Amino acid sequence: MYGTYLGAEAKLYLLPFLGIEADYSTVLEQQIDALQGKWKMQKFIYGGFLEVYLLKVGVYLINTEMDLTPSNGAAQSKEIYNGVGFSGTMYF
Protein backbone atom coordinates (compact mmCIF):
# COMPACT_ATOMS: atom_id res chain seq x y z
CA MET A 1 0.00 0.00 0.00
CA TYR A 2 1.20 3.46 -0.73
CA GLY A 3 -0.04 7.01 -0.45
CA THR A 4 0.78 10.65 0.05
CA TYR A 5 2.24 11.18 3.49
CA LEU A 6 3.09 14.05 5.79
CA GLY A 7 5.40 14.01 8.77
CA ALA A 8 7.30 15.96 11.39
CA GLU A 9 9.99 15.21 13.91
CA ALA A 10 11.49 17.05 16.86
CA LYS A 11 14.48 16.54 19.13
CA LEU A 12 15.04 18.45 22.38
CA TYR A 13 18.24 18.23 24.42
CA LEU A 14 17.54 18.50 28.16
CA LEU A 15 21.26 18.22 29.00
CA PRO A 16 24.27 18.07 26.68
CA PHE A 17 24.05 14.25 26.67
CA LEU A 18 20.34 13.57 27.38
CA GLY A 19 17.27 14.35 25.29
CA ILE A 20 13.79 13.49 24.13
CA GLU A 21 12.51 13.07 20.60
CA ALA A 22 9.20 12.61 18.79
CA ASP A 23 8.23 11.62 15.27
CA TYR A 24 4.79 11.81 13.64
CA SER A 25 3.75 10.64 10.19
CA THR A 26 0.40 10.23 8.51
CA VAL A 27 -0.69 8.77 5.19
CA LEU A 28 -3.57 10.73 3.71
CA GLU A 29 -6.69 8.80 2.77
CA GLN A 30 -6.20 7.03 -0.57
CA GLN A 31 -8.40 4.84 -2.76
CA ILE A 32 -6.73 1.42 -3.18
CA ASP A 33 -8.41 -0.82 -5.75
CA ALA A 34 -6.68 -3.99 -4.49
CA LEU A 35 -8.29 -3.42 -1.08
CA GLN A 36 -11.62 -2.37 -2.61
CA GLY A 37 -11.77 0.74 -0.47
CA LYS A 38 -9.92 3.66 1.08
CA TRP A 39 -7.21 3.48 3.70
CA LYS A 40 -5.28 5.91 5.90
CA MET A 41 -2.67 5.57 8.61
CA GLN A 42 -0.95 7.58 11.31
CA LYS A 43 2.09 6.75 13.41
CA PHE A 44 3.53 8.32 16.58
CA ILE A 45 7.01 7.54 17.92
CA TYR A 46 8.29 9.23 21.05
CA GLY A 47 11.03 8.50 23.54
CA GLY A 48 14.31 9.48 25.13
CA PHE A 49 17.97 9.06 24.31
CA LEU A 50 21.42 9.27 25.81
CA GLU A 51 24.42 10.42 23.73
CA VAL A 52 27.98 9.80 24.81
CA TYR A 53 30.62 10.91 22.32
CA LEU A 54 29.73 9.08 19.08
CA LEU A 55 27.26 6.61 20.58
CA LYS A 56 23.52 7.22 20.93
CA VAL A 57 21.28 4.80 22.87
CA GLY A 58 17.53 5.30 23.08
CA VAL A 59 14.20 3.86 24.08
CA TYR A 60 10.90 4.72 22.42
CA LEU A 61 7.17 4.00 22.35
CA ILE A 62 5.39 3.53 19.04
CA ASN A 63 1.69 3.75 18.21
CA THR A 64 0.35 2.96 14.72
CA GLU A 65 -3.29 3.24 13.66
CA MET A 66 -4.64 2.09 10.27
CA ASP A 67 -8.20 2.61 9.02
CA LEU A 68 -9.80 0.81 6.07
CA THR A 69 -13.16 1.97 4.72
CA PRO A 70 -14.63 -0.52 2.19
CA SER A 71 -16.33 1.01 -0.85
CA ASN A 72 -19.21 -1.48 -0.69
CA GLY A 73 -20.66 0.16 2.45
CA ALA A 74 -19.41 -2.42 4.97
CA ALA A 75 -18.23 -1.33 8.41
CA GLN A 76 -14.92 0.49 8.75
CA SER A 77 -12.00 -1.60 10.00
CA LYS A 78 -9.48 -0.08 12.42
CA GLU A 79 -6.22 -1.69 13.55
CA ILE A 80 -4.06 -0.27 16.35
CA TYR A 81 -0.53 -1.44 17.09
CA ASN A 82 1.49 -0.38 20.16
CA GLY A 83 5.04 -1.27 21.06
CA VAL A 84 8.27 -0.44 22.84
CA GLY A 85 11.64 -0.34 21.15
CA PHE A 86 15.31 0.19 21.84
CA SER A 87 17.75 1.80 19.44
CA GLY A 88 21.46 2.28 19.16
CA THR A 89 23.43 4.44 16.75
CA MET A 90 27.15 4.88 16.29
CA TYR A 91 28.32 7.96 14.39
CA PHE A 92 31.61 7.87 12.51
PDB file of N, CA and C in Angstrom:
ATOM      1  N   MET A   1       0.851  -1.172   0.000  1.00  0.00           N
ATOM      2  CA  MET A   1       0.000   0.000   0.000  1.00  0.00           C
ATOM      3  C   MET A   1       0.895   1.232   0.000  1.00  0.00           C
ATOM      4  N   TYR A   2       0.435   2.238  -0.639  1.00  0.00           N
ATOM      5  CA  TYR A   2       1.205   3.463  -0.733  1.00  0.00           C
ATOM      6  C   TYR A   2       0.242   4.637  -0.626  1.00  0.00           C
ATOM      7  N   GLY A   3       0.795   5.828  -0.501  1.00  0.00           N
ATOM      8  CA  GLY A   3      -0.042   7.009  -0.446  1.00  0.00           C
ATOM      9  C   GLY A   3       0.785   8.242  -0.177  1.00  0.00           C
ATOM     10  N   THR A   4       0.139   9.376  -0.252  1.00  0.00           N
ATOM     11  CA  THR A   4       0.782  10.651   0.053  1.00  0.00           C
ATOM     12  C   THR A   4       0.893  10.765   1.567  1.00  0.00           C
ATOM     13  N   TYR A   5       2.071  11.100   2.050  1.00  0.00           N
ATOM     14  CA  TYR A   5       2.242  11.175   3.490  1.00  0.00           C
ATOM     15  C   TYR A   5       2.824  12.509   3.917  1.00  0.00           C
ATOM     16  N   LEU A   6       2.559  12.863   5.156  1.00  0.00           N
ATOM     17  CA  LEU A   6       3.094  14.052   5.789  1.00  0.00           C
ATOM     18  C   LEU A   6       3.758  13.622   7.085  1.00  0.00           C
ATOM     19  N   GLY A   7       4.730  14.388   7.534  1.00  0.00           N
ATOM     20  CA  GLY A   7       5.395  14.007   8.773  1.00  0.00           C
ATOM     21  C   GLY A   7       6.157  15.153   9.397  1.00  0.00           C
ATOM     22  N   ALA A   8       6.512  14.971  10.647  1.00  0.00           N
ATOM     23  CA  ALA A   8       7.301  15.960  11.386  1.00  0.00           C
ATOM     24  C   ALA A   8       8.083  15.228  12.463  1.00  0.00           C
ATOM     25  N   GLU A   9       9.223  15.777  12.810  1.00  0.00           N
ATOM     26  CA  GLU A   9       9.992  15.207  13.905  1.00  0.00           C
ATOM     27  C   GLU A   9      10.644  16.318  14.698  1.00  0.00           C
ATOM     28  N   ALA A  10      10.877  16.056  15.977  1.00  0.00           N
ATOM     29  CA  ALA A  10      11.488  17.049  16.861  1.00  0.00           C
ATOM     30  C   ALA A  10      12.442  16.348  17.817  1.00  0.00           C
ATOM     31  N   LYS A  11      13.500  17.056  18.180  1.00  0.00           N
ATOM     32  CA  LYS A  11      14.481  16.541  19.130  1.00  0.00           C
ATOM     33  C   LYS A  11      14.825  17.684  20.076  1.00  0.00           C
ATOM     34  N   LEU A  12      14.769  17.423  21.375  1.00  0.00           N
ATOM     35  CA  LEU A  12      15.043  18.449  22.383  1.00  0.00           C
ATOM     36  C   LEU A  12      16.080  17.911  23.361  1.00  0.00           C
ATOM     37  N   TYR A  13      17.203  18.619  23.475  1.00  0.00           N
ATOM     38  CA  TYR A  13      18.241  18.229  24.423  1.00  0.00           C
ATOM     39  C   TYR A  13      17.931  18.861  25.772  1.00  0.00           C
ATOM     40  N   LEU A  14      17.778  18.023  26.799  1.00  0.00           N
ATOM     41  CA  LEU A  14      17.543  18.500  28.157  1.00  0.00           C
ATOM     42  C   LEU A  14      18.866  18.801  28.858  1.00  0.00           C
ATOM     43  N   LEU A  15      19.879  18.040  28.551  1.00  0.00           N
ATOM     44  CA  LEU A  15      21.257  18.216  29.003  1.00  0.00           C
ATOM     45  C   LEU A  15      22.143  17.971  27.788  1.00  0.00           C
ATOM     46  N   PRO A  16      23.428  18.289  27.852  1.00  0.00           N
ATOM     47  CA  PRO A  16      24.273  18.068  26.682  1.00  0.00           C
ATOM     48  C   PRO A  16      24.329  16.615  26.194  1.00  0.00           C
ATOM     49  N   PHE A  17      23.973  15.670  27.038  1.00  0.00           N
ATOM     50  CA  PHE A  17      24.052  14.251  26.671  1.00  0.00           C
ATOM     51  C   PHE A  17      22.709  13.528  26.744  1.00  0.00           C
ATOM     52  N   LEU A  18      21.636  14.199  27.137  1.00  0.00           N
ATOM     53  CA  LEU A  18      20.339  13.574  27.378  1.00  0.00           C
ATOM     54  C   LEU A  18      19.243  14.364  26.667  1.00  0.00           C
ATOM     55  N   GLY A  19      18.330  13.643  26.003  1.00  0.00           N
ATOM     56  CA  GLY A  19      17.272  14.350  25.292  1.00  0.00           C
ATOM     57  C   GLY A  19      16.035  13.508  25.075  1.00  0.00           C
ATOM     58  N   ILE A  20      15.026  14.158  24.504  1.00  0.00           N
ATOM     59  CA  ILE A  20      13.790  13.494  24.127  1.00  0.00           C
ATOM     60  C   ILE A  20      13.532  13.778  22.655  1.00  0.00           C
ATOM     61  N   GLU A  21      12.809  12.875  22.009  1.00  0.00           N
ATOM     62  CA  GLU A  21      12.505  13.067  20.599  1.00  0.00           C
ATOM     63  C   GLU A  21      11.127  12.515  20.280  1.00  0.00           C
ATOM     64  N   ALA A  22      10.531  13.050  19.231  1.00  0.00           N
ATOM     65  CA  ALA A  22       9.204  12.613  18.792  1.00  0.00           C
ATOM     66  C   ALA A  22       9.160  12.637  17.276  1.00  0.00           C
ATOM     67  N   ASP A  23       8.382  11.722  16.718  1.00  0.00           N
ATOM     68  CA  ASP A  23       8.229  11.623  15.268  1.00  0.00           C
ATOM     69  C   ASP A  23       6.764  11.313  14.976  1.00  0.00           C
ATOM     70  N   TYR A  24       6.188  12.031  14.030  1.00  0.00           N
ATOM     71  CA  TYR A  24       4.790  11.814  13.642  1.00  0.00           C
ATOM     72  C   TYR A  24       4.731  11.703  12.126  1.00  0.00           C
ATOM     73  N   SER A  25       3.989  10.735  11.633  1.00  0.00           N
ATOM     74  CA  SER A  25       3.755  10.639  10.192  1.00  0.00           C
ATOM     75  C   SER A  25       2.333  10.160   9.958  1.00  0.00           C
ATOM     76  N   THR A  26       1.754  10.621   8.868  1.00  0.00           N
ATOM     77  CA  THR A  26       0.402  10.232   8.510  1.00  0.00           C
ATOM     78  C   THR A  26       0.339  10.010   7.005  1.00  0.00           C
ATOM     79  N   VAL A  27      -0.427   9.026   6.606  1.00  0.00           N
ATOM     80  CA  VAL A  27      -0.694   8.774   5.190  1.00  0.00           C
ATOM     81  C   VAL A  27      -2.111   9.260   4.942  1.00  0.00           C
ATOM     82  N   LEU A  28      -2.254  10.190   4.014  1.00  0.00           N
ATOM     83  CA  LEU A  28      -3.565  10.732   3.713  1.00  0.00           C
ATOM     84  C   LEU A  28      -4.453   9.667   3.084  1.00  0.00           C
ATOM     85  N   GLU A  29      -5.751   9.807   3.265  1.00  0.00           N
ATOM     86  CA  GLU A  29      -6.686   8.796   2.774  1.00  0.00           C
ATOM     87  C   GLU A  29      -6.558   8.629   1.264  1.00  0.00           C
ATOM     88  N   GLN A  30      -6.402   7.367   0.833  1.00  0.00           N
ATOM     89  CA  GLN A  30      -6.202   7.029  -0.571  1.00  0.00           C
ATOM     90  C   GLN A  30      -7.147   5.898  -0.971  1.00  0.00           C
ATOM     91  N   GLN A  31      -7.608   5.944  -2.197  1.00  0.00           N
ATOM     92  CA  GLN A  31      -8.403   4.844  -2.756  1.00  0.00           C
ATOM     93  C   GLN A  31      -7.435   3.771  -3.249  1.00  0.00           C
ATOM     94  N   ILE A  32      -7.572   2.546  -2.766  1.00  0.00           N
ATOM     95  CA  ILE A  32      -6.732   1.422  -3.175  1.00  0.00           C
ATOM     96  C   ILE A  32      -7.642   0.352  -3.770  1.00  0.00           C
ATOM     97  N   ASP A  33      -7.536   0.133  -5.065  1.00  0.00           N
ATOM     98  CA  ASP A  33      -8.412  -0.820  -5.746  1.00  0.00           C
ATOM     99  C   ASP A  33      -8.196  -2.253  -5.263  1.00  0.00           C
ATOM    100  N   ALA A  34      -6.958  -2.630  -4.949  1.00  0.00           N
ATOM    101  CA  ALA A  34      -6.685  -3.990  -4.495  1.00  0.00           C
ATOM    102  C   ALA A  34      -7.390  -4.279  -3.162  1.00  0.00           C
ATOM    103  N   LEU A  35      -7.586  -3.251  -2.347  1.00  0.00           N
ATOM    104  CA  LEU A  35      -8.285  -3.424  -1.076  1.00  0.00           C
ATOM    105  C   LEU A  35      -9.785  -3.173  -1.205  1.00  0.00           C
ATOM    106  N   GLN A  36     -10.219  -2.714  -2.346  1.00  0.00           N
ATOM    107  CA  GLN A  36     -11.616  -2.373  -2.609  1.00  0.00           C
ATOM    108  C   GLN A  36     -12.134  -1.376  -1.585  1.00  0.00           C
ATOM    109  N   GLY A  37     -11.359  -0.299  -1.404  1.00  0.00           N
ATOM    110  CA  GLY A  37     -11.767   0.741  -0.466  1.00  0.00           C
ATOM    111  C   GLY A  37     -10.685   1.783  -0.282  1.00  0.00           C
ATOM    112  N   LYS A  38     -10.877   2.602   0.746  1.00  0.00           N
ATOM    113  CA  LYS A  38      -9.922   3.663   1.077  1.00  0.00           C
ATOM    114  C   LYS A  38      -9.203   3.288   2.361  1.00  0.00           C
ATOM    115  N   TRP A  39      -7.959   3.731   2.491  1.00  0.00           N
ATOM    116  CA  TRP A  39      -7.206   3.477   3.705  1.00  0.00           C
ATOM    117  C   TRP A  39      -6.428   4.722   4.095  1.00  0.00           C
ATOM    118  N   LYS A  40      -6.135   4.835   5.378  1.00  0.00           N
ATOM    119  CA  LYS A  40      -5.285   5.907   5.901  1.00  0.00           C
ATOM    120  C   LYS A  40      -4.562   5.374   7.128  1.00  0.00           C
ATOM    121  N   MET A  41      -3.493   6.044   7.500  1.00  0.00           N
ATOM    122  CA  MET A  41      -2.673   5.572   8.605  1.00  0.00           C
ATOM    123  C   MET A  41      -2.019   6.748   9.298  1.00  0.00           C
ATOM    124  N   GLN A  42      -1.770   6.625  10.596  1.00  0.00           N
ATOM    125  CA  GLN A  42      -0.949   7.584  11.312  1.00  0.00           C
ATOM    126  C   GLN A  42      -0.075   6.855  12.320  1.00  0.00           C
ATOM    127  N   LYS A  43       1.124   7.404  12.543  1.00  0.00           N
ATOM    128  CA  LYS A  43       2.092   6.751  13.406  1.00  0.00           C
ATOM    129  C   LYS A  43       2.761   7.790  14.299  1.00  0.00           C
ATOM    130  N   PHE A  44       2.837   7.488  15.599  1.00  0.00           N
ATOM    131  CA  PHE A  44       3.528   8.321  16.579  1.00  0.00           C
ATOM    132  C   PHE A  44       4.684   7.516  17.156  1.00  0.00           C
ATOM    133  N   ILE A  45       5.852   8.147  17.246  1.00  0.00           N
ATOM    134  CA  ILE A  45       7.008   7.544  17.915  1.00  0.00           C
ATOM    135  C   ILE A  45       7.561   8.611  18.854  1.00  0.00           C
ATOM    136  N   TYR A  46       7.728   8.267  20.117  1.00  0.00           N
ATOM    137  CA  TYR A  46       8.293   9.233  21.050  1.00  0.00           C
ATOM    138  C   TYR A  46       9.103   8.489  22.101  1.00  0.00           C
ATOM    139  N   GLY A  47      10.163   9.157  22.577  1.00  0.00           N
ATOM    140  CA  GLY A  47      11.034   8.498  23.543  1.00  0.00           C
ATOM    141  C   GLY A  47      12.179   9.384  23.980  1.00  0.00           C
ATOM    142  N   GLY A  48      13.146   8.764  24.624  1.00  0.00           N
ATOM    143  CA  GLY A  48      14.306   9.483  25.131  1.00  0.00           C
ATOM    144  C   GLY A  48      15.593   8.831  24.649  1.00  0.00           C
ATOM    145  N   PHE A  49      16.679   9.578  24.760  1.00  0.00           N
ATOM    146  CA  PHE A  49      17.971   9.059  24.311  1.00  0.00           C
ATOM    147  C   PHE A  49      19.095   9.608  25.163  1.00  0.00           C
ATOM    148  N   LEU A  50      20.207   8.915  25.113  1.00  0.00           N
ATOM    149  CA  LEU A  50      21.425   9.272  25.811  1.00  0.00           C
ATOM    150  C   LEU A  50      22.554   9.245  24.786  1.00  0.00           C
ATOM    151  N   GLU A  51      23.293  10.332  24.676  1.00  0.00           N
ATOM    152  CA  GLU A  51      24.417  10.424  23.726  1.00  0.00           C
ATOM    153  C   GLU A  51      25.724  10.588  24.487  1.00  0.00           C
ATOM    154  N   VAL A  52      26.654   9.712  24.220  1.00  0.00           N
ATOM    155  CA  VAL A  52      27.984   9.800  24.807  1.00  0.00           C
ATOM    156  C   VAL A  52      28.982   9.712  23.659  1.00  0.00           C
ATOM    157  N   TYR A  53      29.694  10.793  23.432  1.00  0.00           N
ATOM    158  CA  TYR A  53      30.624  10.906  22.317  1.00  0.00           C
ATOM    159  C   TYR A  53      29.926  10.547  20.999  1.00  0.00           C
ATOM    160  N   LEU A  54      30.299   9.453  20.375  1.00  0.00           N
ATOM    161  CA  LEU A  54      29.729   9.085  19.081  1.00  0.00           C
ATOM    162  C   LEU A  54      28.686   7.971  19.180  1.00  0.00           C
ATOM    163  N   LEU A  55      28.221   7.682  20.366  1.00  0.00           N
ATOM    164  CA  LEU A  55      27.258   6.608  20.581  1.00  0.00           C
ATOM    165  C   LEU A  55      25.939   7.184  21.115  1.00  0.00           C
ATOM    166  N   LYS A  56      24.850   6.778  20.497  1.00  0.00           N
ATOM    167  CA  LYS A  56      23.516   7.216  20.928  1.00  0.00           C
ATOM    168  C   LYS A  56      22.678   5.978  21.230  1.00  0.00           C
ATOM    169  N   VAL A  57      22.123   5.910  22.444  1.00  0.00           N
ATOM    170  CA  VAL A  57      21.279   4.802  22.873  1.00  0.00           C
ATOM    171  C   VAL A  57      19.930   5.387  23.265  1.00  0.00           C
ATOM    172  N   GLY A  58      18.854   4.760  22.793  1.00  0.00           N
ATOM    173  CA  GLY A  58      17.535   5.305  23.079  1.00  0.00           C
ATOM    174  C   GLY A  58      16.481   4.245  23.325  1.00  0.00           C
ATOM    175  N   VAL A  59      15.379   4.694  23.867  1.00  0.00           N
ATOM    176  CA  VAL A  59      14.201   3.861  24.081  1.00  0.00           C
ATOM    177  C   VAL A  59      13.004   4.671  23.579  1.00  0.00           C
ATOM    178  N   TYR A  60      12.031   3.984  22.979  1.00  0.00           N
ATOM    179  CA  TYR A  60      10.897   4.718  22.424  1.00  0.00           C
ATOM    180  C   TYR A  60       9.614   3.899  22.508  1.00  0.00           C
ATOM    181  N   LEU A  61       8.505   4.592  22.447  1.00  0.00           N
ATOM    182  CA  LEU A  61       7.174   3.999  22.348  1.00  0.00           C
ATOM    183  C   LEU A  61       6.649   4.292  20.960  1.00  0.00           C
ATOM    184  N   ILE A  62       5.925   3.347  20.389  1.00  0.00           N
ATOM    185  CA  ILE A  62       5.393   3.533  19.041  1.00  0.00           C
ATOM    186  C   ILE A  62       3.907   3.178  19.044  1.00  0.00           C
ATOM    187  N   ASN A  63       3.126   3.976  18.340  1.00  0.00           N
ATOM    188  CA  ASN A  63       1.689   3.754  18.212  1.00  0.00           C
ATOM    189  C   ASN A  63       1.326   3.941  16.747  1.00  0.00           C
ATOM    190  N   THR A  64       0.752   2.908  16.123  1.00  0.00           N
ATOM    191  CA  THR A  64       0.351   2.962  14.721  1.00  0.00           C
ATOM    192  C   THR A  64      -1.134   2.645  14.623  1.00  0.00           C
ATOM    193  N   GLU A  65      -1.848   3.442  13.839  1.00  0.00           N
ATOM    194  CA  GLU A  65      -3.285   3.243  13.655  1.00  0.00           C
ATOM    195  C   GLU A  65      -3.594   3.249  12.164  1.00  0.00           C
ATOM    196  N   MET A  66      -4.263   2.184  11.678  1.00  0.00           N
ATOM    197  CA  MET A  66      -4.644   2.091  10.268  1.00  0.00           C
ATOM    198  C   MET A  66      -6.155   1.939  10.173  1.00  0.00           C
ATOM    199  N   ASP A  67      -6.758   2.667   9.240  1.00  0.00           N
ATOM    200  CA  ASP A  67      -8.201   2.612   9.015  1.00  0.00           C
ATOM    201  C   ASP A  67      -8.470   2.198   7.580  1.00  0.00           C
ATOM    202  N   LEU A  68      -9.374   1.250   7.391  1.00  0.00           N
ATOM    203  CA  LEU A  68      -9.802   0.805   6.071  1.00  0.00           C
ATOM    204  C   LEU A  68     -11.312   0.986   5.974  1.00  0.00           C
ATOM    205  N   THR A  69     -11.741   1.743   4.960  1.00  0.00           N
ATOM    206  CA  THR A  69     -13.158   1.969   4.717  1.00  0.00           C
ATOM    207  C   THR A  69     -13.521   1.300   3.397  1.00  0.00           C
ATOM    208  N   PRO A  70     -14.247   0.175   3.428  1.00  0.00           N
ATOM    209  CA  PRO A  70     -14.627  -0.517   2.187  1.00  0.00           C
ATOM    210  C   PRO A  70     -15.576   0.339   1.348  1.00  0.00           C
ATOM    211  N   SER A  71     -15.452   0.230   0.027  1.00  0.00           N
ATOM    212  CA  SER A  71     -16.330   1.012  -0.854  1.00  0.00           C
ATOM    213  C   SER A  71     -17.706   0.388  -1.007  1.00  0.00           C
ATOM    214  N   ASN A  72     -17.906  -0.844  -0.547  1.00  0.00           N
ATOM    215  CA  ASN A  72     -19.212  -1.482  -0.693  1.00  0.00           C
ATOM    216  C   ASN A  72     -20.168  -1.147   0.454  1.00  0.00           C
ATOM    217  N   GLY A  73     -19.780  -0.258   1.362  1.00  0.00           N
ATOM    218  CA  GLY A  73     -20.656   0.163   2.448  1.00  0.00           C
ATOM    219  C   GLY A  73     -20.525  -0.656   3.719  1.00  0.00           C
ATOM    220  N   ALA A  74     -19.623  -1.618   3.760  1.00  0.00           N
ATOM    221  CA  ALA A  74     -19.410  -2.425   4.974  1.00  0.00           C
ATOM    222  C   ALA A  74     -18.788  -1.552   6.069  1.00  0.00           C
ATOM    223  N   ALA A  75     -18.749  -2.070   7.263  1.00  0.00           N
ATOM    224  CA  ALA A  75     -18.229  -1.329   8.410  1.00  0.00           C
ATOM    225  C   ALA A  75     -16.736  -1.043   8.255  1.00  0.00           C
ATOM    226  N   GLN A  76     -16.327   0.085   8.791  1.00  0.00           N
ATOM    227  CA  GLN A  76     -14.923   0.489   8.749  1.00  0.00           C
ATOM    228  C   GLN A  76     -14.104  -0.416   9.668  1.00  0.00           C
ATOM    229  N   SER A  77     -12.907  -0.759   9.225  1.00  0.00           N
ATOM    230  CA  SER A  77     -12.000  -1.596   9.996  1.00  0.00           C
ATOM    231  C   SER A  77     -10.866  -0.727  10.523  1.00  0.00           C
ATOM    232  N   LYS A  78     -10.550  -0.869  11.810  1.00  0.00           N
ATOM    233  CA  LYS A  78      -9.478  -0.082  12.424  1.00  0.00           C
ATOM    234  C   LYS A  78      -8.535  -1.031  13.143  1.00  0.00           C
ATOM    235  N   GLU A  79      -7.236  -0.885  12.880  1.00  0.00           N
ATOM    236  CA  GLU A  79      -6.216  -1.692  13.549  1.00  0.00           C
ATOM    237  C   GLU A  79      -5.262  -0.766  14.268  1.00  0.00           C
ATOM    238  N   ILE A  80      -4.958  -1.088  15.521  1.00  0.00           N
ATOM    239  CA  ILE A  80      -4.058  -0.273  16.345  1.00  0.00           C
ATOM    240  C   ILE A  80      -2.929  -1.174  16.837  1.00  0.00           C
ATOM    241  N   TYR A  81      -1.706  -0.722  16.642  1.00  0.00           N
ATOM    242  CA  TYR A  81      -0.527  -1.444  17.092  1.00  0.00           C
ATOM    243  C   TYR A  81       0.248  -0.555  18.056  1.00  0.00           C
ATOM    244  N   ASN A  82       0.674  -1.104  19.180  1.00  0.00           N
ATOM    245  CA  ASN A  82       1.492  -0.385  20.157  1.00  0.00           C
ATOM    246  C   ASN A  82       2.732  -1.209  20.437  1.00  0.00           C
ATOM    247  N   GLY A  83       3.821  -0.538  20.763  1.00  0.00           N
ATOM    248  CA  GLY A  83       5.036  -1.271  21.062  1.00  0.00           C
ATOM    249  C   GLY A  83       6.087  -0.421  21.740  1.00  0.00           C
ATOM    250  N   VAL A  84       7.125  -1.075  22.202  1.00  0.00           N
ATOM    251  CA  VAL A  84       8.274  -0.445  22.840  1.00  0.00           C
ATOM    252  C   VAL A  84       9.496  -0.888  22.060  1.00  0.00           C
ATOM    253  N   GLY A  85      10.442   0.014  21.884  1.00  0.00           N
ATOM    254  CA  GLY A  85      11.644  -0.341  21.153  1.00  0.00           C
ATOM    255  C   GLY A  85      12.892   0.264  21.761  1.00  0.00           C
ATOM    256  N   PHE A  86      14.008  -0.310  21.419  1.00  0.00           N
ATOM    257  CA  PHE A  86      15.310   0.186  21.842  1.00  0.00           C
ATOM    258  C   PHE A  86      16.127   0.452  20.588  1.00  0.00           C
ATOM    259  N   SER A  87      16.949   1.483  20.619  1.00  0.00           N
ATOM    260  CA  SER A  87      17.752   1.799  19.442  1.00  0.00           C
ATOM    261  C   SER A  87      19.172   2.134  19.864  1.00  0.00           C
ATOM    262  N   GLY A  88      20.072   1.925  18.946  1.00  0.00           N
ATOM    263  CA  GLY A  88      21.461   2.276  19.158  1.00  0.00           C
ATOM    264  C   GLY A  88      22.051   2.779  17.849  1.00  0.00           C
ATOM    265  N   THR A  89      22.804   3.849  17.933  1.00  0.00           N
ATOM    266  CA  THR A  89      23.425   4.441  16.751  1.00  0.00           C
ATOM    267  C   THR A  89      24.868   4.791  17.074  1.00  0.00           C
ATOM    268  N   MET A  90      25.760   4.483  16.145  1.00  0.00           N
ATOM    269  CA  MET A  90      27.150   4.877  16.288  1.00  0.00           C
ATOM    270  C   MET A  90      27.502   5.783  15.113  1.00  0.00           C
ATOM    271  N   TYR A  91      27.944   6.986  15.413  1.00  0.00           N
ATOM    272  CA  TYR A  91      28.317   7.959  14.391  1.00  0.00           C
ATOM    273  C   TYR A  91      29.822   7.858  14.121  1.00  0.00           C
ATOM    274  N   PHE A  92      30.189   7.853  12.866  1.00  0.00           N
ATOM    275  CA  PHE A  92      31.610   7.870  12.509  1.00  0.00           C
ATOM    276  C   PHE A  92      31.825   8.563  11.208  1.00  0.00           C
TER     277      PHE A  92
END
